[in-house]
Amino acid sequence: MLAWVLAAWLSALVVLAEEKRPLQIYFIDVEGGQATLIVSPTGQSLLIDTGWAGFNGRDSDRIVAAAKMAALKQLDYVLITHYHRDHVGGVTQLADRMKIATFVDHGPNQEDTDVTREDYAAYQKVLGHAKHLVLSPGDGLPMSGITIRALTAAGEHITNPLPGAGEANPYCASEPVPPDDPTENARSLGILLTYGKFRMIDLGDLTKKKELELVCPNNRVATVDLYVVTHHGFDQSNAKSIVWALHPRVAIMDNGPHKGGSLEAWQTVHDSPGLQDFWQLHYAIDAGKDHNVKAEFIANVDDKSDGNYIKVMAQADGSFVIANSRTKHQKKYK
């Protein structure tokens, strides 16, 4: 009897500890590419994209360093949004440095360019050493404690609205018709992460026509707490109709010193109704002072390869804290 009571008590302590443990999200500086490390409250991990190849393993080193900070011994999932070099290029070096259990992607490359075919071929070689999942819109990942749902993949999008979504989008009527995009950007595997009341969206480099198909004429996603600024903040993405309809509380942009952070896209995000704060991985040097946020919200402030990161710690009640590793500045959002 005593042993049973003790076991039940220990089990309750474990559950309580997991409830208090936050969801952790590391926005790793890969100099204008993407590498976002997500660690669930139960310790499962998901890395979204792997940064660039080359640079003496700079990006894989930074990813491994973030994984060590999170006390990870392996990456449970590595999700490749699409097959451009700043997203998939670092996969070979990373696989040499750290065990990867499962790769996740949208399926075969759909871009007719030599460089993308080359990077996709390198990725395929790495796939043979791990499990492989292809996600279609509506599919999820089997992660404990959080929900990962694919919204877009291989040029398609969810057809039915998510729970609580589906309202008419008032911004669609005035949105200019965007051009077709034949590149892998338009095929990006975009996801919605949910942890209790906390919601984060990451659409990779999805471009405007596909953004609008997701939220026009009706918004199939509803609102989010954290918006990962699409396509590093380039003007080919971040249509007003999606950014403003998502109504994010906070935005984080994984730009580089001379990449992303374009004026129109930056202004669209900055002016989004209800946005409390805008964080950047880099000061966008070419954009000028008027199109950059305050220094305490920027992880890297010049064109040197500093590697400072932004960390998010979220609770199931929807509250979260964002911290800047360069300045140690942090802010809590209720």
Protein backbone atom coordinates (compact mmCIF):
# COMPACT_ATOMS: atom_id res chain seq x y z
CA MET A 1 0.00 0.00 0.00
CA LEU A 2 2.77 2.41 0.97
CA ALA A 3 4.65 1.63 -2.24
CA TRP A 4 1.53 2.37 -4.32
CA VAL A 5 0.99 5.71 -2.55
CA LEU A 6 4.65 6.64 -3.05
CA ALA A 7 4.49 5.76 -6.76
CA ALA A 8 1.32 7.84 -7.22
CA TRP A 9 2.94 10.77 -5.41
CA LEU A 10 6.05 10.61 -7.58
CA SER A 11 3.92 10.38 -10.70
CA ALA A 12 1.98 13.48 -9.63
CA LEU A 13 5.26 15.35 -9.08
CA VAL A 14 6.43 14.44 -12.59
CA VAL A 15 3.15 15.67 -14.12
CA LEU A 16 3.36 18.92 -12.10
CA ALA A 17 6.96 19.48 -13.20
CA GLU A 18 6.02 18.99 -16.86
CA GLU A 19 3.12 21.41 -16.53
CA LYS A 20 5.47 24.12 -15.19
CA ARG A 21 8.23 23.42 -17.73
CA PRO A 22 7.92 25.89 -20.62
CA LEU A 23 7.93 25.33 -24.33
CA GLN A 24 11.32 26.60 -25.54
CA ILE A 25 11.99 28.10 -28.97
CA TYR A 26 15.48 29.18 -30.06
CA PHE A 27 15.77 31.47 -33.09
CA ILE A 28 19.34 30.65 -34.07
CA ASP A 29 21.38 33.16 -36.06
CA VAL A 30 22.33 31.57 -39.37
CA GLU A 31 22.98 34.90 -41.08
CA GLY A 32 19.78 35.32 -43.05
CA GLY A 33 18.79 31.67 -43.39
CA GLN A 34 16.60 29.81 -40.94
CA ALA A 35 17.22 27.43 -38.06
CA THR A 36 14.55 27.43 -35.35
CA LEU A 37 14.88 24.91 -32.53
CA ILE A 38 11.68 23.93 -30.69
CA VAL A 39 11.83 21.93 -27.45
CA SER A 40 8.52 20.70 -26.05
CA PRO A 41 7.78 20.73 -22.28
CA THR A 42 8.38 16.96 -22.29
CA GLY A 43 11.80 17.33 -23.92
CA GLN A 44 11.02 16.36 -27.52
CA SER A 45 12.77 18.45 -30.16
CA LEU A 46 11.99 19.83 -33.60
CA LEU A 47 14.45 21.84 -35.68
CA ILE A 48 12.96 23.86 -38.53
CA ASP A 49 15.61 24.15 -41.27
CA THR A 50 19.38 23.89 -41.02
CA GLY A 51 20.87 27.15 -42.30
CA TRP A 52 23.62 27.41 -44.89
CA ALA A 53 26.32 25.00 -45.99
CA GLY A 54 30.01 25.96 -45.74
CA PHE A 55 31.45 28.74 -43.58
CA ASN A 56 33.55 26.10 -41.77
CA GLY A 57 30.41 24.56 -40.28
CA ARG A 58 29.31 27.84 -38.70
CA ASP A 59 25.57 27.15 -38.82
CA SER A 60 25.74 23.53 -37.68
CA ASP A 61 28.00 24.66 -34.81
CA ARG A 62 25.38 27.19 -33.71
CA ILE A 63 22.56 24.66 -33.93
CA VAL A 64 24.54 22.13 -31.87
CA ALA A 65 25.32 24.84 -29.30
CA ALA A 66 21.62 25.63 -28.94
CA ALA A 67 20.81 21.93 -28.62
CA LYS A 68 23.36 21.64 -25.80
CA MET A 69 21.81 24.62 -24.02
CA ALA A 70 18.50 22.76 -24.20
CA ALA A 71 20.16 19.57 -22.87
CA LEU A 72 19.35 17.60 -26.03
CA LYS A 73 21.25 14.47 -26.99
CA GLN A 74 19.58 14.20 -30.41
CA LEU A 75 17.16 16.01 -32.68
CA ASP A 76 13.91 14.06 -32.77
CA TYR A 77 12.70 15.84 -35.91
CA VAL A 78 14.34 18.08 -38.50
CA LEU A 79 11.72 19.75 -40.69
CA ILE A 80 12.88 21.19 -44.01
CA THR A 81 10.45 23.86 -45.21
CA HIS A 82 11.85 23.85 -48.77
CA TYR A 83 15.03 23.11 -50.67
CA HIS A 84 16.78 26.47 -50.93
CA ARG A 85 20.37 26.62 -49.71
CA ASP A 86 19.72 28.92 -46.74
CA HIS A 87 17.22 26.38 -45.36
CA VAL A 88 18.54 22.93 -46.34
CA GLY A 89 22.20 23.67 -47.10
CA GLY A 90 23.50 22.91 -43.62
CA VAL A 91 21.86 19.49 -43.33
CA THR A 92 24.94 17.44 -44.27
CA GLN A 93 27.21 19.17 -41.76
CA LEU A 94 24.54 18.97 -39.05
CA ALA A 95 23.97 15.25 -39.61
CA ASP A 96 27.72 14.72 -39.13
CA ARG A 97 27.59 16.55 -35.81
CA MET A 98 24.38 15.31 -34.20
CA LYS A 99 21.99 12.36 -34.35
CA ILE A 100 18.78 13.10 -36.24
CA ALA A 101 15.95 10.62 -35.70
CA THR A 102 13.43 11.74 -38.35
CA PHE A 103 13.44 14.13 -41.31
CA VAL A 104 10.21 15.88 -42.32
CA ASP A 105 9.52 17.66 -45.62
CA HIS A 106 6.90 18.39 -48.30
CA GLY A 107 8.07 15.70 -50.73
CA PRO A 108 10.25 15.98 -53.87
CA ASN A 109 11.88 19.18 -55.09
CA GLN A 110 9.65 21.11 -57.53
CA GLU A 111 12.06 23.80 -58.70
CA ASP A 112 13.80 23.60 -62.07
CA THR A 113 17.18 25.16 -61.21
CA ASP A 114 20.63 23.57 -60.99
CA VAL A 115 21.43 24.89 -57.52
CA THR A 116 18.20 23.62 -55.98
CA ARG A 117 18.57 20.22 -57.65
CA GLU A 118 22.10 20.05 -56.25
CA ASP A 119 20.99 20.87 -52.70
CA TYR A 120 18.06 18.46 -52.90
CA ALA A 121 20.40 15.67 -54.04
CA ALA A 122 22.69 16.33 -51.05
CA TYR A 123 19.66 16.20 -48.75
CA GLN A 124 18.50 12.91 -50.24
CA LYS A 125 21.85 11.32 -49.39
CA VAL A 126 21.39 12.25 -45.72
CA LEU A 127 17.82 10.86 -45.67
CA GLY A 128 19.11 7.30 -45.85
CA HIS A 129 20.41 7.52 -42.28
CA ALA A 130 17.12 8.42 -40.56
CA LYS A 131 13.36 7.98 -40.75
CA HIS A 132 11.52 10.16 -43.23
CA LEU A 133 8.05 11.71 -43.12
CA VAL A 134 6.28 13.66 -45.87
CA LEU A 135 3.58 16.00 -44.60
CA SER A 136 0.55 17.19 -46.52
CA PRO A 137 -1.69 20.07 -45.42
CA GLY A 138 -3.65 19.00 -42.35
CA ASP A 139 -1.10 16.40 -41.24
CA GLY A 140 0.54 16.56 -37.83
CA LEU A 141 3.69 15.37 -36.10
CA PRO A 142 3.49 12.92 -33.18
CA MET A 143 5.05 15.18 -30.55
CA SER A 144 3.99 14.99 -26.90
CA GLY A 145 2.84 18.13 -25.11
CA ILE A 146 2.51 20.29 -28.24
CA THR A 147 0.63 20.11 -31.53
CA ILE A 148 2.35 20.64 -34.88
CA ARG A 149 -0.02 20.88 -37.85
CA ALA A 150 0.97 21.42 -41.50
CA LEU A 151 -0.92 24.34 -43.07
CA THR A 152 0.82 24.44 -46.45
CA ALA A 153 2.98 21.94 -48.35
CA ALA A 154 4.06 21.33 -51.96
CA GLY A 155 1.96 24.26 -53.19
CA GLU A 156 -1.24 23.12 -51.46
CA HIS A 157 -3.00 24.39 -48.32
CA ILE A 158 -5.57 23.22 -45.79
CA THR A 159 -9.04 23.38 -47.28
CA ASN A 160 -11.06 23.42 -44.07
CA PRO A 161 -10.65 26.11 -41.42
CA LEU A 162 -9.05 25.19 -38.13
CA PRO A 163 -11.25 25.20 -34.99
CA GLY A 164 -12.25 28.80 -34.25
CA ALA A 165 -11.24 29.99 -37.73
CA GLY A 166 -13.14 30.51 -40.99
CA GLU A 167 -14.33 34.11 -40.69
CA ALA A 168 -14.36 36.35 -43.76
CA ASN A 169 -11.08 38.21 -44.17
CA PRO A 170 -11.81 41.96 -44.63
CA TYR A 171 -8.33 42.70 -46.01
CA CYS A 172 -8.59 40.46 -49.07
CA ALA A 173 -10.70 42.76 -51.25
CA SER A 174 -8.00 45.45 -51.50
CA GLU A 175 -5.06 43.06 -51.91
CA PRO A 176 -3.29 43.29 -55.31
CA VAL A 177 -3.17 40.06 -57.30
CA PRO A 178 0.34 38.63 -56.83
CA PRO A 179 2.32 36.84 -59.57
CA ASP A 180 2.80 33.09 -59.81
CA ASP A 181 5.97 31.79 -58.18
CA PRO A 182 7.61 28.73 -59.82
CA THR A 183 10.25 28.34 -57.09
CA GLU A 184 10.46 26.14 -54.01
CA ASN A 185 9.41 29.14 -51.90
CA ALA A 186 5.80 28.64 -52.98
CA ARG A 187 6.03 24.97 -51.97
CA SER A 188 7.13 25.74 -48.40
CA LEU A 189 5.99 23.39 -45.65
CA GLY A 190 4.33 25.84 -43.27
CA ILE A 191 3.23 24.85 -39.78
CA LEU A 192 1.15 26.01 -36.84
CA LEU A 193 2.52 25.15 -33.40
CA THR A 194 0.02 25.04 -30.52
CA TYR A 195 0.83 24.63 -26.83
CA GLY A 196 -2.33 25.13 -24.78
CA LYS A 197 -3.44 28.67 -25.64
CA PHE A 198 -0.10 29.63 -27.22
CA ARG A 199 0.02 29.61 -31.03
CA MET A 200 3.00 30.21 -33.35
CA ILE A 201 2.99 30.17 -37.15
CA ASP A 202 6.00 29.54 -39.39
CA LEU A 203 5.36 29.44 -43.15
CA GLY A 204 8.97 29.16 -44.30
CA ASP A 205 9.44 31.29 -47.43
CA LEU A 206 5.85 31.03 -48.68
CA THR A 207 5.16 33.76 -51.24
CA LYS A 208 2.15 36.03 -51.57
CA LYS A 209 -0.10 34.06 -53.93
CA LYS A 210 0.04 31.00 -51.67
CA GLU A 211 -0.34 33.16 -48.55
CA LEU A 212 -3.56 34.60 -49.92
CA GLU A 213 -4.92 31.18 -50.89
CA LEU A 214 -4.57 30.19 -47.22
CA VAL A 215 -6.49 33.16 -45.77
CA CYS A 216 -8.73 34.51 -48.57
CA PRO A 217 -11.61 34.98 -48.83
CA ASN A 218 -11.86 33.34 -45.39
CA ASN A 219 -9.13 33.10 -42.78
CA ARG A 220 -8.57 29.36 -42.25
CA VAL A 221 -6.02 29.88 -39.46
CA ALA A 222 -7.51 32.49 -37.07
CA THR A 223 -5.07 34.49 -34.92
CA VAL A 224 -1.63 33.72 -33.49
CA ASP A 225 0.49 34.89 -30.60
CA LEU A 226 3.83 34.67 -32.41
CA TYR A 227 4.39 35.31 -36.11
CA VAL A 228 7.66 34.13 -37.60
CA VAL A 229 8.03 36.76 -40.30
CA THR A 230 7.82 34.86 -43.57
CA HIS A 231 10.74 34.70 -46.02
CA HIS A 232 13.10 36.67 -43.76
CA GLY A 233 10.94 39.76 -44.29
CA PHE A 234 11.15 39.98 -48.08
CA ASP A 235 8.51 41.90 -50.06
CA GLN A 236 7.59 38.81 -52.11
CA SER A 237 5.92 37.53 -48.93
CA ASN A 238 4.09 38.99 -45.92
CA ALA A 239 0.96 40.16 -47.73
CA LYS A 240 -1.09 42.52 -45.59
CA SER A 241 -4.10 40.19 -45.91
CA ILE A 242 -2.33 37.39 -44.05
CA VAL A 243 -0.24 39.35 -41.55
CA TRP A 244 -3.11 41.54 -40.37
CA ALA A 245 -5.63 38.67 -40.38
CA LEU A 246 -3.32 36.57 -38.18
CA HIS A 247 -3.27 39.53 -35.78
CA PRO A 248 -0.02 38.48 -34.07
CA ARG A 249 0.87 39.78 -30.63
CA VAL A 250 4.61 39.54 -31.39
CA ALA A 251 6.67 39.04 -34.56
CA ILE A 252 10.21 37.67 -34.90
CA MET A 253 12.17 38.10 -38.15
CA ASP A 254 15.08 35.80 -39.00
CA ASN A 255 16.79 38.25 -41.34
CA GLY A 256 20.48 38.89 -42.00
CA PRO A 257 22.44 42.16 -42.05
CA HIS A 258 21.97 42.45 -45.83
CA LYS A 259 19.18 39.94 -46.40
CA GLY A 260 15.46 40.32 -45.75
CA GLY A 261 13.92 43.13 -43.79
CA SER A 262 12.61 44.77 -46.97
CA LEU A 263 10.86 48.09 -46.46
CA GLU A 264 7.31 47.15 -47.53
CA ALA A 265 7.24 43.85 -45.64
CA TRP A 266 8.81 45.36 -42.52
CA GLN A 267 6.23 48.15 -42.51
CA THR A 268 3.33 45.73 -43.00
CA VAL A 269 4.41 43.70 -39.99
CA HIS A 270 5.27 46.77 -37.91
CA ASP A 271 1.83 48.31 -38.53
CA SER A 272 -0.15 45.11 -37.88
CA PRO A 273 -3.08 45.96 -35.57
CA GLY A 274 -2.46 44.81 -32.02
CA LEU A 275 1.23 44.02 -32.51
CA GLN A 276 2.96 44.59 -29.19
CA ASP A 277 6.57 44.05 -30.27
CA PHE A 278 8.74 43.23 -33.26
CA TRP A 279 12.05 41.38 -32.76
CA GLN A 280 14.85 40.94 -35.33
CA LEU A 281 17.78 38.53 -35.50
CA HIS A 282 19.82 41.22 -37.26
CA TYR A 283 19.85 44.95 -37.78
CA ALA A 284 18.86 45.34 -41.45
CA ILE A 285 21.70 47.59 -42.55
CA ASP A 286 20.31 48.45 -45.99
CA ALA A 287 16.88 49.38 -44.59
CA GLY A 288 18.04 52.32 -42.48
CA LYS A 289 17.10 53.42 -38.99
CA ASP A 290 13.41 54.04 -39.77
CA HIS A 291 12.89 50.41 -40.76
CA ASN A 292 14.58 48.70 -37.85
CA VAL A 293 13.30 48.19 -34.32
CA LYS A 294 14.99 49.44 -31.15
CA ALA A 295 18.37 47.91 -30.33
CA GLU A 296 17.12 45.92 -27.34
CA PHE A 297 14.88 43.94 -29.72
CA ILE A 298 17.72 43.08 -32.14
CA ALA A 299 20.03 40.12 -31.46
CA ASN A 300 22.88 41.14 -33.81
CA VAL A 301 23.57 44.80 -34.58
CA ASP A 302 26.23 44.82 -37.32
CA ASP A 303 27.43 42.73 -40.26
CA LYS A 304 29.87 40.67 -38.22
CA SER A 305 29.06 36.98 -37.64
CA ASP A 306 28.11 37.32 -33.99
CA GLY A 307 25.69 34.41 -33.59
CA ASN A 308 23.45 35.93 -30.93
CA TYR A 309 20.01 34.33 -30.67
CA ILE A 310 16.46 35.08 -29.54
CA LYS A 311 14.80 32.66 -27.13
CA VAL A 312 11.08 32.25 -26.44
CA MET A 313 9.73 30.47 -23.36
CA ALA A 314 5.96 29.87 -23.53
CA GLN A 315 3.43 28.52 -21.04
CA ALA A 316 0.21 26.67 -21.78
CA ASP A 317 -1.85 29.62 -20.50
CA GLY A 318 -0.66 31.65 -23.51
CA SER A 319 1.90 33.76 -21.67
CA PHE A 320 5.47 33.83 -22.91
CA VAL A 321 8.85 35.48 -22.36
CA ILE A 322 11.26 36.55 -25.11
CA ALA A 323 14.96 37.06 -24.35
CA ASN A 324 17.81 38.59 -26.39
CA SER A 325 21.09 36.72 -25.81
CA ARG A 326 23.17 39.77 -26.79
CA THR A 327 21.71 42.25 -24.32
CA LYS A 328 20.06 39.86 -21.82
CA HIS A 329 16.97 42.05 -22.32
CA GLN A 330 13.78 40.07 -21.87
CA LYS A 331 10.11 40.85 -21.87
CA LYS A 332 7.06 38.96 -20.66
CA TYR A 333 3.80 38.87 -22.57
CA LYS A 334 0.74 38.00 -20.50
